[in-house]
C-alpha atoms as a PDB file:
ATOM      1  CA  MET A   1       0.000   0.000   0.000  1.00  0.00           C
ATOM      2  CA  LYS A   2       2.923   2.352   0.677  1.00  0.00           C
ATOM      3  CA  LEU A   3       3.968   2.002  -2.980  1.00  0.00           C
ATOM      4  CA  LEU A   4       0.574   3.327  -4.097  1.00  0.00           C
ATOM      5  CA  LYS A   5       0.517   6.215  -1.633  1.00  0.00           C
ATOM      6  CA  ASN A   6       0.599   9.626  -3.343  1.00  0.00           C
ATOM      7  CA  VAL A   7       0.808   7.955  -6.782  1.00  0.00           C
ATOM      8  CA  ASP A   8      -1.498  10.615  -8.269  1.00  0.00           C
ATOM      9  CA  ILE A   9       0.826  13.387  -7.146  1.00  0.00           C
ATOM     10  CA  ARG A  10       3.813  11.606  -8.670  1.00  0.00           C
ATOM     11  CA  VAL A  11       2.076  11.136 -12.031  1.00  0.00           C
ATOM     12  CA  VAL A  12       1.020  14.782 -12.134  1.00  0.00           C
ATOM     13  CA  SER A  13       4.541  15.885 -11.235  1.00  0.00           C
ATOM     14  CA  VAL A  14       6.069  13.835 -14.057  1.00  0.00           C
ATOM     15  CA  LEU A  15       3.465  15.140 -16.500  1.00  0.00           C
ATOM     16  CA  LEU A  16       4.100  18.764 -15.504  1.00  0.00           C
ATOM     17  CA  ALA A  17       7.847  18.261 -15.832  1.00  0.00           C
ATOM     18  CA  PHE A  18       7.388  16.823 -19.309  1.00  0.00           C
ATOM     19  CA  LEU A  19       5.137  19.695 -20.366  1.00  0.00           C
ATOM     20  CA  LEU A  20       7.643  22.257 -19.080  1.00  0.00           C
ATOM     21  CA  TRP A  21      10.436  20.504 -20.974  1.00  0.00           C
ATOM     22  CA  LEU A  22       8.325  20.315 -24.140  1.00  0.00           C
ATOM     23  CA  HIS A  23       7.455  24.014 -23.879  1.00  0.00           C
ATOM     24  CA  ALA A  24      11.103  24.957 -23.429  1.00  0.00           C
ATOM     25  CA  VAL A  25      12.180  22.840 -26.393  1.00  0.00           C
ATOM     26  CA  THR A  26       9.453  24.049 -28.756  1.00  0.00           C
ATOM     27  CA  GLU A  27      10.198  27.703 -27.930  1.00  0.00           C
ATOM     28  CA  ARG A  28      13.818  27.325 -29.012  1.00  0.00           C
ATOM     29  CA  ASP A  29      14.907  28.165 -32.554  1.00  0.00           C
ATOM     30  CA  PHE A  30      15.963  25.318 -34.830  1.00  0.00           C
ATOM     31  CA  THR A  31      17.274  25.255 -38.389  1.00  0.00           C
ATOM     32  CA  VAL A  32      15.873  22.412 -40.473  1.00  0.00           C
ATOM     33  CA  THR A  33      16.188  21.679 -44.194  1.00  0.00           C
ATOM     34  CA  PHE A  34      12.985  21.199 -46.189  1.00  0.00           C
ATOM     35  CA  ASP A  35      12.452  20.299 -49.844  1.00  0.00           C
ATOM     36  CA  CYS A  36       9.867  22.943 -50.699  1.00  0.00           C
ATOM     37  CA  PRO A  37       7.624  22.409 -53.746  1.00  0.00           C
ATOM     38  CA  VAL A  38       7.620  25.273 -56.256  1.00  0.00           C
ATOM     39  CA  GLU A  39       4.376  26.874 -57.405  1.00  0.00           C
ATOM     40  CA  LEU A  40       4.232  29.283 -60.339  1.00  0.00           C
ATOM     41  CA  VAL A  41       1.259  31.669 -60.204  1.00  0.00           C
ATOM     42  CA  ASN A  42      -0.284  34.149 -62.649  1.00  0.00           C
ATOM     43  CA  VAL A  43       1.206  32.356 -65.646  1.00  0.00           C
ATOM     44  CA  PRO A  44      -0.109  33.840 -68.942  1.00  0.00           C
ATOM     45  CA  HIS A  45      -2.920  31.689 -70.327  1.00  0.00           C
ATOM     46  CA  ASP A  46      -0.960  30.761 -73.461  1.00  0.00           C
ATOM     47  CA  LEU A  47       2.183  29.641 -71.610  1.00  0.00           C
ATOM     48  CA  VAL A  48       3.096  26.734 -69.329  1.00  0.00           C
ATOM     49  CA  PRO A  49       6.285  25.580 -67.545  1.00  0.00           C
ATOM     50  CA  ALA A  50       8.382  23.676 -70.075  1.00  0.00           C
ATOM     51  CA  ALA A  51       9.425  21.074 -67.482  1.00  0.00           C
ATOM     52  CA  THR A  52       8.420  19.836 -64.064  1.00  0.00           C
ATOM     53  CA  LEU A  53       9.331  22.344 -61.357  1.00  0.00           C
ATOM     54  CA  MET A  54      11.625  20.505 -58.964  1.00  0.00           C
ATOM     55  CA  PRO A  55      11.496  21.198 -55.196  1.00  0.00           C
ATOM     56  CA  VAL A  56      13.926  23.750 -53.795  1.00  0.00           C
ATOM     57  CA  SER A  57      16.086  22.926 -50.773  1.00  0.00           C
ATOM     58  CA  CYS A  58      15.494  25.501 -48.049  1.00  0.00           C
ATOM     59  CA  ASP A  59      17.115  25.866 -44.604  1.00  0.00           C
ATOM     60  CA  ILE A  60      14.334  27.302 -42.445  1.00  0.00           C
ATOM     61  CA  THR A  61      15.009  28.740 -38.992  1.00  0.00           C
ATOM     62  CA  ALA A  62      11.946  28.818 -36.751  1.00  0.00           C
ATOM     63  CA  LYS A  63      10.691  27.869 -33.310  1.00  0.00           C
ATOM     64  CA  GLY A  64      10.473  24.189 -32.541  1.00  0.00           C
ATOM     65  CA  LYS A  65       6.669  24.196 -32.413  1.00  0.00           C
ATOM     66  CA  ASP A  66       6.543  25.781 -35.881  1.00  0.00           C
ATOM     67  CA  ILE A  67       9.036  23.260 -37.237  1.00  0.00           C
ATOM     68  CA  LEU A  68       6.685  20.502 -36.081  1.00  0.00           C
ATOM     69  CA  ALA A  69       3.880  22.166 -38.046  1.00  0.00           C
ATOM     70  CA  PHE A  70       6.104  22.375 -41.119  1.00  0.00           C
ATOM     71  CA  ARG A  71       6.628  18.613 -40.840  1.00  0.00           C
ATOM     72  CA  LEU A  72       2.883  18.181 -41.259  1.00  0.00           C
ATOM     73  CA  LYS A  73       2.616  20.577 -44.199  1.00  0.00           C
ATOM     74  CA  THR A  74       5.761  21.641 -46.040  1.00  0.00           C
ATOM     75  CA  PRO A  75       6.140  25.343 -46.927  1.00  0.00           C
ATOM     76  CA  ARG A  76       5.875  26.196 -50.634  1.00  0.00           C
ATOM     77  CA  VAL A  77       8.005  28.454 -52.810  1.00  0.00           C
ATOM     78  CA  VAL A  78       5.630  30.718 -54.760  1.00  0.00           C
ATOM     79  CA  VAL A  79       6.861  32.686 -57.784  1.00  0.00           C
ATOM     80  CA  ASP A  80       4.652  35.252 -59.533  1.00  0.00           C
ATOM     81  CA  ALA A  81       5.060  35.158 -63.323  1.00  0.00           C
ATOM     82  CA  GLY A  82       2.245  37.597 -64.057  1.00  0.00           C
ATOM     83  CA  SER A  83       4.391  40.675 -64.672  1.00  0.00           C
ATOM     84  CA  ARG A  84       6.958  38.923 -66.860  1.00  0.00           C
ATOM     85  CA  LYS A  85       6.757  38.596 -70.615  1.00  0.00           C
ATOM     86  CA  ALA A  86       9.974  36.674 -71.129  1.00  0.00           C
ATOM     87  CA  ARG A  87       9.825  32.890 -71.460  1.00  0.00           C
ATOM     88  CA  ASN A  88      12.929  32.428 -69.324  1.00  0.00           C
ATOM     89  CA  LEU A  89      12.421  33.549 -65.727  1.00  0.00           C
ATOM     90  CA  SER A  90      15.212  33.985 -63.221  1.00  0.00           C
ATOM     91  CA  VAL A  91      14.245  34.861 -59.647  1.00  0.00           C
ATOM     92  CA  ARG A  92      16.487  35.377 -56.631  1.00  0.00           C
ATOM     93  CA  LEU A  93      14.673  33.638 -53.799  1.00  0.00           C
ATOM     94  CA  ALA A  94      13.931  35.297 -50.472  1.00  0.00           C
ATOM     95  CA  GLU A  95      11.760  34.695 -47.413  1.00  0.00           C
ATOM     96  CA  SER A  96       8.954  36.582 -49.175  1.00  0.00           C
ATOM     97  CA  HIS A  97       8.665  33.718 -51.692  1.00  0.00           C
ATOM     98  CA  LEU A  98       7.804  31.227 -48.945  1.00  0.00           C
ATOM     99  CA  ALA A  99       4.136  30.419 -48.384  1.00  0.00           C
ATOM    100  CA  MET A 100       4.034  29.146 -44.814  1.00  0.00           C
ATOM    101  CA  PRO A 101       1.253  26.782 -43.693  1.00  0.00           C
ATOM    102  CA  PHE A 102      -1.214  27.574 -40.905  1.00  0.00           C
ATOM    103  CA  GLY A 103      -0.382  31.296 -41.087  1.00  0.00           C
ATOM    104  CA  LEU A 104       3.016  30.749 -39.463  1.00  0.00           C
ATOM    105  CA  GLU A 105       6.187  32.706 -40.154  1.00  0.00           C
ATOM    106  CA  ALA A 106       9.853  31.817 -40.531  1.00  0.00           C
ATOM    107  CA  PRO A 107      12.330  34.356 -39.103  1.00  0.00           C
ATOM    108  CA  HIS A 108      15.021  33.254 -41.545  1.00  0.00           C
ATOM    109  CA  ALA A 109      15.373  31.064 -44.643  1.00  0.00           C
ATOM    110  CA  GLU A 110      18.250  30.235 -46.974  1.00  0.00           C
ATOM    111  CA  PHE A 111      17.683  28.624 -50.375  1.00  0.00           C
ATOM    112  CA  GLN A 112      19.861  26.241 -52.341  1.00  0.00           C
ATOM    113  CA  PRO A 113      20.147  27.204 -55.115  1.00  0.00           C
ATOM    114  CA  ALA A 114      19.601  30.848 -54.228  1.00  0.00           C
ATOM    115  CA  GLU A 115      18.304  31.614 -57.721  1.00  0.00           C
ATOM    116  CA  LEU A 116      15.414  29.812 -59.393  1.00  0.00           C
ATOM    117  CA  SER A 117      15.289  29.540 -63.183  1.00  0.00           C
ATOM    118  CA  VAL A 118      12.057  28.613 -64.944  1.00  0.00           C
ATOM    119  CA  ARG A 119      11.567  28.188 -68.678  1.00  0.00           C
ATOM    120  CA  LEU A 120       8.101  28.681 -70.130  1.00  0.00           C
ATOM    121  CA  ASP A 121       6.827  27.181 -73.366  1.00  0.00           C
ATOM    122  CA  ARG A 122       3.808  27.821 -75.523  1.00  0.00           C
ATOM    123  CA  LEU A 123       0.716  25.829 -74.504  1.00  0.00           C
ATOM    124  CA  ALA A 124      -0.136  23.351 -77.273  1.00  0.00           C
ATOM    125  CA  PHE A 125      -2.355  20.331 -77.788  1.00  0.00           C
ATOM    126  CA  LYS A 126      -2.237  17.133 -79.812  1.00  0.00           C
ATOM    127  CA  THR A 127      -4.461  14.099 -80.274  1.00  0.00           C
ATOM    128  CA  VAL A 128      -2.577  11.046 -78.988  1.00  0.00           C
ATOM    129  CA  LEU A 129      -3.248   7.316 -78.795  1.00  0.00           C
ATOM    130  CA  VAL A 130      -4.383   5.921 -75.425  1.00  0.00           C
ATOM    131  CA  VAL A 131      -2.480   2.780 -74.367  1.00  0.00           C
ATOM    132  CA  PRO A 132      -3.713   0.640 -71.439  1.00  0.00           C
ATOM    133  CA  ASP A 133      -1.019   0.033 -68.811  1.00  0.00           C
ATOM    134  CA  LEU A 134      -1.655  -3.547 -67.681  1.00  0.00           C
ATOM    135  CA  ALA A 135       0.074  -4.806 -64.543  1.00  0.00           C
ATOM    136  CA  GLY A 136       0.382  -8.425 -63.466  1.00  0.00           C
ATOM    137  CA  GLN A 137      -0.432 -11.668 -65.299  1.00  0.00           C
ATOM    138  CA  PRO A 138      -3.824 -13.216 -66.115  1.00  0.00           C
ATOM    139  CA  ALA A 139      -4.799 -16.676 -64.918  1.00  0.00           C
ATOM    140  CA  GLU A 140      -2.612 -19.577 -65.994  1.00  0.00           C
ATOM    141  CA  GLY A 141      -3.399 -20.642 -69.527  1.00  0.00           C
ATOM    142  CA  PHE A 142      -4.665 -17.206 -70.565  1.00  0.00           C
ATOM    143  CA  ILE A 143      -3.097 -14.184 -72.243  1.00  0.00           C
ATOM    144  CA  VAL A 144      -4.233 -10.653 -73.036  1.00  0.00           C
ATOM    145  CA  SER A 145      -5.928 -10.499 -76.418  1.00  0.00           C
ATOM    146  CA  ASP A 146      -5.103  -7.961 -79.116  1.00  0.00           C
ATOM    147  CA  SER A 147      -8.743  -6.923 -78.817  1.00  0.00           C
ATOM    148  CA  THR A 148      -7.994  -5.243 -75.482  1.00  0.00           C
ATOM    149  CA  ALA A 149      -8.343  -1.510 -76.089  1.00  0.00           C
ATOM    150  CA  ALA A 150      -9.306   1.838 -74.621  1.00  0.00           C
ATOM    151  CA  GLU A 151     -12.625   3.540 -75.311  1.00  0.00           C
ATOM    152  CA  PRO A 152     -12.148   6.155 -76.649  1.00  0.00           C
ATOM    153  CA  CYS A 153      -8.849   5.062 -78.188  1.00  0.00           C
ATOM    154  CA  SER A 154      -7.443   8.608 -78.353  1.00  0.00           C
ATOM    155  CA  ALA A 155      -7.331  11.727 -76.203  1.00  0.00           C
ATOM    156  CA  ARG A 156      -6.400  15.368 -76.604  1.00  0.00           C
ATOM    157  CA  LEU A 157      -3.288  16.237 -74.602  1.00  0.00           C
ATOM    158  CA  TRP A 158      -2.425  19.817 -73.598  1.00  0.00           C
ATOM    159  CA  GLY A 159       1.014  20.819 -72.352  1.00  0.00           C
ATOM    160  CA  PRO A 160       4.374  22.380 -73.275  1.00  0.00           C
ATOM    161  CA  GLU A 161       4.579  22.640 -77.067  1.00  0.00           C
ATOM    162  CA  LYS A 162       8.027  21.062 -77.433  1.00  0.00           C
ATOM    163  CA  THR A 163       7.072  17.969 -75.446  1.00  0.00           C
ATOM    164  CA  VAL A 164       3.518  17.587 -76.699  1.00  0.00           C
ATOM    165  CA  THR A 165       4.491  17.697 -80.373  1.00  0.00           C
ATOM    166  CA  GLN A 166       6.905  14.791 -79.753  1.00  0.00           C
ATOM    167  CA  THR A 167       4.306  12.705 -77.892  1.00  0.00           C
ATOM    168  CA  ASP A 168       2.265  10.088 -79.758  1.00  0.00           C
ATOM    169  CA  THR A 169       0.818   8.023 -76.906  1.00  0.00           C
ATOM    170  CA  ILE A 170      -0.416   8.428 -73.361  1.00  0.00           C
ATOM    171  CA  PHE A 171      -0.734   5.546 -70.892  1.00  0.00           C
ATOM    172  CA  THR A 172      -3.510   4.931 -68.436  1.00  0.00           C
ATOM    173  CA  GLU A 173      -2.831   4.476 -64.767  1.00  0.00           C
ATOM    174  CA  PRO A 174      -1.872   0.827 -64.037  1.00  0.00           C
ATOM    175  CA  ILE A 175      -4.696  -1.727 -64.212  1.00  0.00           C
ATOM    176  CA  ARG A 176      -4.190  -4.968 -62.291  1.00  0.00           C
ATOM    177  CA  ILE A 177      -5.110  -8.104 -64.252  1.00  0.00           C
ATOM    178  CA  ASP A 178      -3.792 -10.722 -61.821  1.00  0.00           C
ATOM    179  CA  GLU A 179      -5.507 -14.116 -62.256  1.00  0.00           C
ATOM    180  CA  LEU A 180      -8.198 -12.703 -64.576  1.00  0.00           C
ATOM    181  CA  ARG A 181      -9.650 -14.861 -67.330  1.00  0.00           C
ATOM    182  CA  GLU A 182     -13.068 -13.372 -68.062  1.00  0.00           C
ATOM    183  CA  SER A 183     -13.425 -10.338 -70.327  1.00  0.00           C
ATOM    184  CA  GLN A 184     -14.521  -7.183 -68.501  1.00  0.00           C
ATOM    185  CA  ARG A 185     -14.561  -3.392 -68.641  1.00  0.00           C
ATOM    186  CA  ARG A 186     -12.585  -1.156 -66.283  1.00  0.00           C
ATOM    187  CA  GLY A 187     -12.417   2.606 -65.896  1.00  0.00           C
ATOM    188  CA  ALA A 188      -8.942   4.168 -65.742  1.00  0.00           C
ATOM    189  CA  ARG A 189      -7.590   7.696 -65.517  1.00  0.00           C
ATOM    190  CA  LEU A 190      -4.959   8.882 -67.957  1.00  0.00           C
ATOM    191  CA  ALA A 191      -1.457   9.107 -66.454  1.00  0.00           C
ATOM    192  CA  LEU A 192      -0.303  12.675 -67.095  1.00  0.00           C
ATOM    193  CA  PRO A 193       3.460  13.388 -67.084  1.00  0.00           C
ATOM    194  CA  ASP A 194       2.836  16.224 -64.588  1.00  0.00           C
ATOM    195  CA  PRO A 195      -0.759  17.188 -63.661  1.00  0.00           C
ATOM    196  CA  ARG A 196       0.403  20.752 -62.978  1.00  0.00           C
ATOM    197  CA  ASN A 197       1.646  21.288 -66.540  1.00  0.00           C
ATOM    198  CA  TYR A 198      -0.512  18.899 -68.550  1.00  0.00           C
ATOM    199  CA  ARG A 199      -4.182  18.100 -68.933  1.00  0.00           C
ATOM    200  CA  ALA A 200      -6.086  15.633 -71.063  1.00  0.00           C
ATOM    201  CA  GLU A 201      -9.564  15.377 -72.477  1.00  0.00           C
ATOM    202  CA  PRO A 202     -11.128  13.076 -71.552  1.00  0.00           C
ATOM    203  CA  GLU A 203      -9.450  12.648 -68.173  1.00  0.00           C
ATOM    204  CA  SER A 204     -10.375   8.963 -68.010  1.00  0.00           C
ATOM    205  CA  VAL A 205     -11.292   6.144 -70.390  1.00  0.00           C
ATOM    206  CA  VAL A 206     -12.903   2.704 -70.262  1.00  0.00           C
ATOM    207  CA  ILE A 207     -10.611  -0.264 -70.902  1.00  0.00           C
ATOM    208  CA  SER A 208     -12.186  -3.289 -72.557  1.00  0.00           C
ATOM    209  CA  LEU A 209     -10.148  -6.202 -71.201  1.00  0.00           C
ATOM    210  CA  VAL A 210     -10.256  -9.310 -73.383  1.00  0.00           C
ATOM    211  CA  PHE A 211      -8.471 -12.573 -72.558  1.00  0.00           C
ATOM    212  CA  GLU A 212      -7.929 -15.648 -74.692  1.00  0.00           C
ATOM    213  CA  LYS A 213      -6.583 -19.113 -74.047  1.00  0.00           C
ATOM    214  CA  SER A 214      -2.917 -19.750 -74.681  1.00  0.00           C
ATOM    215  CA  GLY A 215      -1.170 -22.958 -75.681  1.00  0.00           C
ATOM    216  CA  GLU A 216       2.008 -24.544 -77.040  1.00  0.00           C
ATOM    217  CA  ARG A 217       2.847 -26.165 -80.353  1.00  0.00           C
ATOM    218  CA  PHE A 218       5.732 -28.296 -81.559  1.00  0.00           C
ATOM    219  CA  PHE A 219       7.233 -27.648 -85.009  1.00  0.00           C
ATOM    220  CA  ARG A 220       9.557 -30.344 -86.360  1.00  0.00           C
ATOM    221  CA  ASN A 221      12.329 -29.940 -88.935  1.00  0.00           C
ATOM    222  CA  ILE A 222      12.220 -26.189 -89.554  1.00  0.00           C
ATOM    223  CA  PRO A 223      14.845 -25.556 -92.307  1.00  0.00           C
ATOM    224  CA  LEU A 224      18.003 -23.730 -91.219  1.00  0.00           C
ATOM    225  CA  SER A 225      19.235 -21.060 -93.645  1.00  0.00           C
ATOM    226  CA  LEU A 226      22.261 -18.749 -93.845  1.00  0.00           C
ATOM    227  CA  ALA A 227      22.297 -14.950 -93.677  1.00  0.00           C
ATOM    228  CA  ASN A 228      25.071 -12.576 -94.772  1.00  0.00           C
ATOM    229  CA  ARG A 229      27.067 -15.318 -96.444  1.00  0.00           C
ATOM    230  CA  GLY A 230      30.147 -13.981 -98.228  1.00  0.00           C
ATOM    231  CA  ALA A 231      30.470 -14.611-101.965  1.00  0.00           C
ATOM    232  CA  GLY A 232      32.741 -17.514-102.891  1.00  0.00           C
ATOM    233  CA  PHE A 233      32.806 -19.111 -99.419  1.00  0.00           C
ATOM    234  CA  LEU A 234      31.755 -22.673 -98.612  1.00  0.00           C
ATOM    235  CA  VAL A 235      29.866 -23.103 -95.342  1.00  0.00           C
ATOM    236  CA  GLY A 236      29.435 -26.389 -93.534  1.00  0.00           C
ATOM    237  CA  PHE A 237      27.095 -27.115 -90.617  1.00  0.00           C
ATOM    238  CA  SER A 238      24.923 -29.953 -89.366  1.00  0.00           C
ATOM    239  CA  PRO A 239      22.070 -30.708 -88.911  1.00  0.00           C
ATOM    240  CA  GLY A 240      20.158 -28.629 -91.442  1.00  0.00           C
ATOM    241  CA  THR A 241      16.914 -28.372 -89.463  1.00  0.00           C
ATOM    242  CA  VAL A 242      15.713 -27.280 -86.015  1.00  0.00           C
ATOM    243  CA  ASP A 243      12.848 -28.538 -83.851  1.00  0.00           C
ATOM    244  CA  ILE A 244      11.140 -25.782 -81.864  1.00  0.00           C
ATOM    245  CA  VAL A 245       8.370 -25.364 -79.304  1.00  0.00           C
ATOM    246  CA  VAL A 246       6.460 -22.081 -79.252  1.00  0.00           C
ATOM    247  CA  ALA A 247       3.683 -20.611 -77.110  1.00  0.00           C
ATOM    248  CA  GLY A 248       0.956 -18.129 -77.963  1.00  0.00           C
ATOM    249  CA  PRO A 249      -2.774 -17.687 -78.503  1.00  0.00           C
ATOM    250  CA  ARG A 250      -4.348 -20.992 -79.474  1.00  0.00           C
ATOM    251  CA  MET A 251      -6.089 -19.622 -82.548  1.00  0.00           C
ATOM    252  CA  LEU A 252      -2.812 -18.113 -83.773  1.00  0.00           C
ATOM    253  CA  LEU A 253      -0.937 -21.368 -83.162  1.00  0.00           C
ATOM    254  CA  GLU A 254      -3.514 -23.348 -85.130  1.00  0.00           C
ATOM    255  CA  ARG A 255      -3.136 -21.219 -88.251  1.00  0.00           C
ATOM    256  CA  THR A 256       0.655 -20.841 -88.095  1.00  0.00           C
ATOM    257  CA  ARG A 257       2.571 -22.725 -90.809  1.00  0.00           C
ATOM    258  CA  PRO A 258       6.217 -23.851 -90.610  1.00  0.00           C
ATOM    259  CA  SER A 259       7.000 -21.375 -93.396  1.00  0.00           C
ATOM    260  CA  ASP A 260       5.916 -18.537 -91.063  1.00  0.00           C
ATOM    261  CA  ILE A 261       8.929 -19.297 -88.862  1.00  0.00           C
ATOM    262  CA  ARG A 262      12.420 -18.276 -89.942  1.00  0.00           C
ATOM    263  CA  VAL A 263      15.532 -19.925 -88.488  1.00  0.00           C
ATOM    264  CA  PHE A 264      18.991 -18.882 -89.701  1.00  0.00           C
ATOM    265  CA  LEU A 265      22.675 -18.535 -88.885  1.00  0.00           C
ATOM    266  CA  ASP A 266      24.062 -15.004 -89.217  1.00  0.00           C
ATOM    267  CA  LEU A 267      27.547 -15.082 -90.799  1.00  0.00           C
ATOM    268  CA  LYS A 268      28.065 -11.324 -90.912  1.00  0.00           C
ATOM    269  CA  GLY A 269      31.699 -10.347 -90.335  1.00  0.00           C
ATOM    270  CA  LEU A 270      32.936 -13.921 -89.828  1.00  0.00           C
ATOM    271  CA  ALA A 271      36.338 -14.912 -91.233  1.00  0.00           C
ATOM    272  CA  PRO A 272      37.153 -18.348 -92.666  1.00  0.00           C
ATOM    273  CA  GLY A 273      37.595 -20.999 -89.997  1.00  0.00           C
ATOM    274  CA  GLY A 274      35.546 -22.696 -87.308  1.00  0.00           C
ATOM    275  CA  HIS A 275      32.794 -20.861 -85.414  1.00  0.00           C
ATOM    276  CA  ARG A 276      30.193 -21.726 -82.811  1.00  0.00           C
ATOM    277  CA  LEU A 277      26.941 -19.903 -83.628  1.00  0.00           C
ATOM    278  CA  GLN A 278      23.510 -19.710 -82.069  1.00  0.00           C
ATOM    279  CA  ALA A 279      20.586 -19.909 -84.460  1.00  0.00           C
ATOM    280  CA  VAL A 280      18.441 -16.792 -84.820  1.00  0.00           C
ATOM    281  CA  ILE A 281      14.729 -17.622 -84.604  1.00  0.00           C
ATOM    282  CA  GLU A 282      12.111 -15.163 -85.877  1.00  0.00           C
ATOM    283  CA  LEU A 283       8.513 -15.896 -84.882  1.00  0.00           C
ATOM    284  CA  PRO A 284       5.185 -14.328 -85.841  1.00  0.00           C
ATOM    285  CA  ASP A 285       3.951 -11.557 -83.553  1.00  0.00           C
ATOM    286  CA  ARG A 286       2.574 -12.638 -80.155  1.00  0.00           C
ATOM    287  CA  MET A 287       4.390 -15.973 -80.265  1.00  0.00           C
ATOM    288  CA  GLU A 288       7.088 -16.878 -77.746  1.00  0.00           C
ATOM    289  CA  LEU A 289       9.930 -19.356 -78.106  1.00  0.00           C
ATOM    290  CA  ILE A 290       9.896 -22.090 -75.457  1.00  0.00           C
ATOM    291  CA  ALA A 291      12.655 -24.389 -76.715  1.00  0.00           C
ATOM    292  CA  ALA A 292      14.804 -25.089 -79.775  1.00  0.00           C
ATOM    293  CA  THR A 293      16.815 -28.240 -80.541  1.00  0.00           C
ATOM    294  CA  PRO A 294      19.556 -27.799 -81.479  1.00  0.00           C
ATOM    295  CA  ARG A 295      20.095 -24.079 -80.838  1.00  0.00           C
ATOM    296  CA  THR A 296      23.894 -23.918 -81.199  1.00  0.00           C
ATOM    297  CA  PHE A 297      25.805 -25.072 -84.291  1.00  0.00           C
ATOM    298  CA  GLU A 298      29.435 -25.745 -85.188  1.00  0.00           C
ATOM    299  CA  VAL A 299      30.019 -23.850 -88.436  1.00  0.00           C
ATOM    300  CA  THR A 300      33.010 -24.127 -90.776  1.00  0.00           C
ATOM    301  CA  ILE A 301      33.728 -21.384 -93.318  1.00  0.00           C
ATOM    302  CA  ARG A 302      36.318 -22.003 -96.050  1.00  0.00           C
END
């Protein structure tokens, strides 16, 4: 019972001591480095940043309690481009460029680099092809069909002229297809390079996912030919055929003929003498090589 006597007073004393220590610590000034995101405001309607604005490293000196708040919401570097007509902006950063969260202030801030350079480009648009970004693998024995497509299949992309004119496709956000086998439709947003500098119309599309059964097929005695054979040279090798196993969509496998498969030895740049070469195997689209026997050949050039 003596151990429990005055326990409430002891707990309160420890709590008060902790609060006094916390108050003393949070009232002290600390210097902490933050990676502050950059925001460009009042940009002319026909211009846009030519590249993603990277965060600026900033050493901020403030009271401990304010530093804790900055951990929750990082200060931003705000640059006003409204009064500038040039496409290349260069601004020497100061505390006045910092937008502090929660109405707080920072007594002192140092930026690295001290000067921020921003290049603007003309805002342009282009119609680009939408490509589904599929992640994972369907159920065993199934593959993604060529019929899988986005609806609509194209979108209008706005952004920096130099980049947009060189862009032909835009991907969707990743769509998981793990263990799927039944065809279905999924909505997906378009994955913009930088949502601050780009926009797309529409912002999202519907992906028609189509799966088909896969299989394997054995092709016996595919003829082996020579490529890049020098004039006047005799070439010896054995055997003259290759047996291969390929995988792919069942319907494609059924209509594939041996003549659709090319197997050859590439002699380009080889001098007379003995060589050990691996056969090059070219398959129709969407087919995958599983095995080839033999794959390596002893070749004599004379």
